Amino acid sequence: MHVRQLLGAYVLGALAPDEDRRVAGHLRSCPGCRAAYLEVAETPSLLALLSEEDLADGPPDE
């Protein structure tokens, strides 16, 4: 599995320790994956802004 496919789990801290180390090592050496990581790196802090009520309501109606 390519590292980009693991970035979501990586930023959420949901990888096994060996996978976490592999992703971290790859990000140090791959500018493309590092750029993709930076695009999603703030996801955990943004998710923390949501309340249970926000999540229970689902997406807004269009």
C-alpha atoms as a PDB file:
ATOM      1  CA  MET A   1       0.000   0.000   0.000  1.00  0.00           C
ATOM      2  CA  HIS A   2       1.360   3.407  -0.925  1.00  0.00           C
ATOM      3  CA  VAL A   3       1.978   5.917   1.849  1.00  0.00           C
ATOM      4  CA  ARG A   4      -0.580   8.397   0.460  1.00  0.00           C
ATOM      5  CA  GLN A   5      -3.303   5.856   1.170  1.00  0.00           C
ATOM      6  CA  LEU A   6      -2.238   5.809   4.829  1.00  0.00           C
ATOM      7  CA  LEU A   7      -2.091   9.567   5.404  1.00  0.00           C
ATOM      8  CA  GLY A   8      -5.608   9.869   6.827  1.00  0.00           C
ATOM      9  CA  ALA A   9      -4.945   7.173   9.405  1.00  0.00           C
ATOM     10  CA  TYR A  10      -1.489   8.635  10.042  1.00  0.00           C
ATOM     11  CA  VAL A  11      -2.756  12.109  10.953  1.00  0.00           C
ATOM     12  CA  LEU A  12      -5.413  10.578  13.192  1.00  0.00           C
ATOM     13  CA  GLY A  13      -2.824   8.439  14.987  1.00  0.00           C
ATOM     14  CA  ALA A  14      -4.612   5.263  13.920  1.00  0.00           C
ATOM     15  CA  LEU A  15      -1.699   3.322  12.438  1.00  0.00           C
ATOM     16  CA  ALA A  16       0.156   0.460  14.050  1.00  0.00           C
ATOM     17  CA  PRO A  17       3.576   1.566  15.344  1.00  0.00           C
ATOM     18  CA  ASP A  18       5.492  -0.097  12.496  1.00  0.00           C
ATOM     19  CA  GLU A  19       3.261   1.530   9.853  1.00  0.00           C
ATOM     20  CA  ASP A  20       3.548   4.878  11.630  1.00  0.00           C
ATOM     21  CA  ARG A  21       7.354   4.694  11.484  1.00  0.00           C
ATOM     22  CA  ARG A  22       7.254   3.694   7.812  1.00  0.00           C
ATOM     23  CA  VAL A  23       5.031   6.640   6.904  1.00  0.00           C
ATOM     24  CA  ALA A  24       7.124   9.099   8.959  1.00  0.00           C
ATOM     25  CA  GLY A  25      10.303   7.874   7.291  1.00  0.00           C
ATOM     26  CA  HIS A  26       8.790   8.133   3.837  1.00  0.00           C
ATOM     27  CA  LEU A  27       7.538  11.673   4.484  1.00  0.00           C
ATOM     28  CA  ARG A  28      11.073  12.773   5.332  1.00  0.00           C
ATOM     29  CA  SER A  29      12.305  11.645   1.926  1.00  0.00           C
ATOM     30  CA  CYS A  30       9.372  12.299  -0.439  1.00  0.00           C
ATOM     31  CA  PRO A  31       8.375  15.912  -1.176  1.00  0.00           C
ATOM     32  CA  GLY A  32       5.178  14.873  -2.993  1.00  0.00           C
ATOM     33  CA  CYS A  33       3.843  12.812  -0.100  1.00  0.00           C
ATOM     34  CA  ARG A  34       4.984  15.463   2.367  1.00  0.00           C
ATOM     35  CA  ALA A  35       2.920  18.053   0.464  1.00  0.00           C
ATOM     36  CA  ALA A  36      -0.109  15.721   0.532  1.00  0.00           C
ATOM     37  CA  TYR A  37       0.419  15.221   4.273  1.00  0.00           C
ATOM     38  CA  LEU A  38       0.460  18.976   4.872  1.00  0.00           C
ATOM     39  CA  GLU A  39      -2.931  19.229   3.146  1.00  0.00           C
ATOM     40  CA  VAL A  40      -4.520  16.875   5.718  1.00  0.00           C
ATOM     41  CA  ALA A  41      -2.334  17.492   8.775  1.00  0.00           C
ATOM     42  CA  GLU A  42      -4.835  19.854  10.423  1.00  0.00           C
ATOM     43  CA  THR A  43      -7.742  17.429  10.129  1.00  0.00           C
ATOM     44  CA  PRO A  44      -7.661  16.241  13.776  1.00  0.00           C
ATOM     45  CA  SER A  45      -7.799  19.806  15.119  1.00  0.00           C
ATOM     46  CA  LEU A  46     -10.650  20.671  12.742  1.00  0.00           C
ATOM     47  CA  LEU A  47     -12.591  17.564  13.769  1.00  0.00           C
ATOM     48  CA  ALA A  48     -12.146  18.541  17.408  1.00  0.00           C
ATOM     49  CA  LEU A  49     -14.161  21.699  16.713  1.00  0.00           C
ATOM     50  CA  LEU A  50     -17.269  19.641  15.938  1.00  0.00           C
ATOM     51  CA  SER A  51     -19.729  18.758  18.674  1.00  0.00           C
ATOM     52  CA  GLU A  52     -21.673  15.513  18.960  1.00  0.00           C
ATOM     53  CA  GLU A  53     -24.727  17.476  17.864  1.00  0.00           C
ATOM     54  CA  ASP A  54     -22.932  18.625  14.714  1.00  0.00           C
ATOM     55  CA  LEU A  55     -22.116  15.036  13.859  1.00  0.00           C
ATOM     56  CA  ALA A  56     -25.595  13.726  14.659  1.00  0.00           C
ATOM     57  CA  ASP A  57     -27.243  16.299  12.375  1.00  0.00           C
ATOM     58  CA  GLY A  58     -25.394  15.027   9.316  1.00  0.00           C
ATOM     59  CA  PRO A  59     -24.458  17.174   6.349  1.00  0.00           C
ATOM     60  CA  PRO A  60     -26.447  20.360   5.692  1.00  0.00           C
ATOM     61  CA  ASP A  61     -29.359  20.151   3.265  1.00  0.00           C
ATOM     62  CA  GLU A  62     -28.781  21.754  -0.110  1.00  0.00           C
END
